[in-house]
Amino acid sequence: MSGEMNCDVLRSAMRKRRTLTAEEQVHVDGCESCTEAWLDAAVVSALDAKPEVRVPESFAAKVMAGLPEQGVARRRERRYTASWGLVTAAVLIAVGLVAAAVVDPGLLSTRMGLIFEGLVAGEIAGIALWLALARQRIG
């Protein structure tokens, strides 16, 4: 069984899961491409022959019975106030000032730099205050 056509026919037979004869098995043992095809067919066959798993109806009840009892977790209530928003804004403004000083040390000494930093700081403070008040109304 040597020759390219015989290998193609043999590989096709293996894909169709036909049982190999002794002569074909000898060829598969000596031919690398046929060995790979045989291994591929064996893997596919093993995957298709997976066992059926049946879960008993009482499985969930048994699992739940085995778990330790837990009390109902109480949710800790958070209070959002405007002061937290202002603290957040102050921290963000401080970080912005430090970042601006690191990027361009002369920026904060100019009038435009101070105006720009003031506008950004005001926007951050306004957003933080608005978010804090909105959360206070929701919660």
Protein backbone atom coordinates (compact mmCIF):
# COMPACT_ATOMS: atom_id res chain seq x y z
CA MET A 1 0.00 0.00 0.00
CA SER A 2 2.50 2.58 -0.98
CA GLY A 3 1.80 5.49 -3.22
CA GLU A 4 0.09 8.86 -2.88
CA MET A 5 -3.33 7.70 -4.10
CA ASN A 6 -3.47 4.86 -1.58
CA CYS A 7 -2.61 7.27 1.26
CA ASP A 8 -5.43 9.60 0.19
CA VAL A 9 -7.90 6.70 0.01
CA LEU A 10 -6.71 5.38 3.37
CA ARG A 11 -7.01 8.81 5.04
CA SER A 12 -10.51 9.17 3.61
CA ALA A 13 -11.45 5.78 5.03
CA MET A 14 -10.10 6.78 8.45
CA ARG A 15 -12.17 9.99 8.40
CA LYS A 16 -15.23 7.82 7.68
CA ARG A 17 -14.25 5.69 10.68
CA ARG A 18 -13.86 2.50 8.70
CA THR A 19 -11.97 -0.23 10.56
CA LEU A 20 -8.49 -0.73 9.11
CA THR A 21 -7.25 -4.05 7.83
CA ALA A 22 -3.97 -5.50 9.05
CA GLU A 23 -2.23 -4.43 5.85
CA GLU A 24 -3.59 -0.89 6.15
CA GLN A 25 -2.49 -0.73 9.80
CA VAL A 26 1.06 -1.72 8.79
CA HIS A 27 1.04 1.11 6.25
CA VAL A 28 -0.25 3.59 8.85
CA ASP A 29 2.54 2.57 11.22
CA GLY A 30 5.17 3.33 8.56
CA CYS A 31 3.67 6.46 6.94
CA GLU A 32 3.94 9.72 8.88
CA SER A 33 1.03 11.52 7.18
CA CYS A 34 -1.26 8.48 7.58
CA THR A 35 -0.24 8.21 11.26
CA GLU A 36 -1.24 11.85 11.80
CA ALA A 37 -4.56 11.24 10.03
CA TRP A 38 -5.14 8.15 12.16
CA LEU A 39 -4.41 10.11 15.36
CA ASP A 40 -6.77 12.90 14.25
CA ALA A 41 -9.50 10.35 13.56
CA ALA A 42 -8.90 8.69 16.94
CA VAL A 43 -9.19 12.05 18.76
CA VAL A 44 -12.41 12.94 16.94
CA SER A 45 -13.82 9.51 17.69
CA ALA A 46 -12.93 9.82 21.38
CA LEU A 47 -14.53 13.24 21.60
CA ASP A 48 -17.70 12.02 19.92
CA ALA A 49 -17.94 9.09 22.33
CA LYS A 50 -18.25 11.29 25.41
CA PRO A 51 -20.33 9.81 28.21
CA GLU A 52 -23.77 11.14 28.95
CA VAL A 53 -23.92 12.82 32.34
CA ARG A 54 -27.19 12.67 34.21
CA VAL A 55 -27.73 14.96 37.17
CA PRO A 56 -30.23 13.69 39.74
CA GLU A 57 -33.18 15.95 40.42
CA SER A 58 -32.25 16.30 44.09
CA PHE A 59 -28.69 17.45 43.28
CA ALA A 60 -29.34 21.15 43.90
CA ALA A 61 -31.11 20.45 47.19
CA LYS A 62 -28.20 18.30 48.38
CA VAL A 63 -25.67 20.97 47.51
CA MET A 64 -27.68 23.68 49.26
CA ALA A 65 -28.09 21.46 52.33
CA GLY A 66 -24.32 21.00 52.51
CA LEU A 67 -23.61 24.74 52.60
CA PRO A 68 -23.17 26.43 55.97
CA GLU A 69 -26.02 28.64 57.10
CA GLN A 70 -25.48 32.33 56.59
CA GLY A 71 -27.43 35.20 57.96
CA VAL A 72 -28.89 37.80 55.70
CA ALA A 73 -26.19 40.30 54.92
CA ARG A 74 -27.17 43.80 55.82
CA ARG A 75 -26.26 46.43 53.35
CA ARG A 76 -24.23 49.20 54.84
CA GLU A 77 -25.84 52.49 54.09
CA ARG A 78 -23.59 55.14 52.60
CA ARG A 79 -24.22 58.76 53.08
CA TYR A 80 -23.03 61.04 50.33
CA THR A 81 -22.88 64.65 51.33
CA ALA A 82 -21.72 67.80 49.63
CA SER A 83 -18.63 67.87 51.83
CA TRP A 84 -17.33 64.66 50.23
CA GLY A 85 -17.75 66.25 46.83
CA LEU A 86 -15.77 69.29 47.93
CA VAL A 87 -13.03 67.12 49.43
CA THR A 88 -12.81 65.23 46.13
CA ALA A 89 -12.67 68.51 44.23
CA ALA A 90 -9.89 69.83 46.49
CA VAL A 91 -7.82 66.70 45.95
CA LEU A 92 -8.31 66.87 42.18
CA ILE A 93 -7.37 70.56 42.12
CA ALA A 94 -4.20 69.85 44.13
CA VAL A 95 -3.26 67.06 41.74
CA GLY A 96 -3.93 69.38 38.80
CA LEU A 97 -1.70 72.10 40.28
CA VAL A 98 1.13 69.66 40.88
CA ALA A 99 0.76 68.21 37.36
CA ALA A 100 0.77 71.68 35.80
CA ALA A 101 3.86 72.64 37.80
CA VAL A 102 5.66 69.47 36.72
CA VAL A 103 4.78 69.85 33.03
CA ASP A 104 5.66 73.53 32.76
CA PRO A 105 6.99 75.23 35.94
CA GLY A 106 6.47 78.70 34.46
CA LEU A 107 2.81 78.07 33.55
CA LEU A 108 1.41 78.93 36.98
CA SER A 109 3.41 82.16 37.15
CA THR A 110 1.64 83.62 34.10
CA ARG A 111 -1.75 85.27 34.18
CA MET A 112 -3.17 82.95 31.48
CA GLY A 113 -1.90 79.89 33.36
CA LEU A 114 -3.61 81.00 36.56
CA ILE A 115 -6.86 81.77 34.72
CA PHE A 116 -6.79 78.39 32.99
CA GLU A 117 -6.05 76.55 36.22
CA GLY A 118 -8.84 78.45 37.96
CA LEU A 119 -11.33 77.52 35.23
CA VAL A 120 -10.36 73.85 35.40
CA ALA A 121 -10.50 73.88 39.20
CA GLY A 122 -13.93 75.51 39.13
CA GLU A 123 -15.25 72.94 36.67
CA ILE A 124 -13.93 70.06 38.78
CA ALA A 125 -15.44 71.54 41.94
CA GLY A 126 -18.78 72.10 40.22
CA ILE A 127 -18.96 68.58 38.86
CA ALA A 128 -17.95 67.05 42.20
CA LEU A 129 -20.53 69.15 44.07
CA TRP A 130 -23.24 68.32 41.54
CA LEU A 131 -22.50 64.57 41.77
CA ALA A 132 -22.52 64.66 45.57
CA LEU A 133 -25.85 66.47 45.68
CA ALA A 134 -27.35 64.16 43.05
CA ARG A 135 -26.32 61.07 45.04
CA GLN A 136 -27.70 62.59 48.21
CA ARG A 137 -31.11 63.02 46.53
CA ILE A 138 -31.05 59.46 45.16
CA GLY A 139 -29.86 57.69 48.33
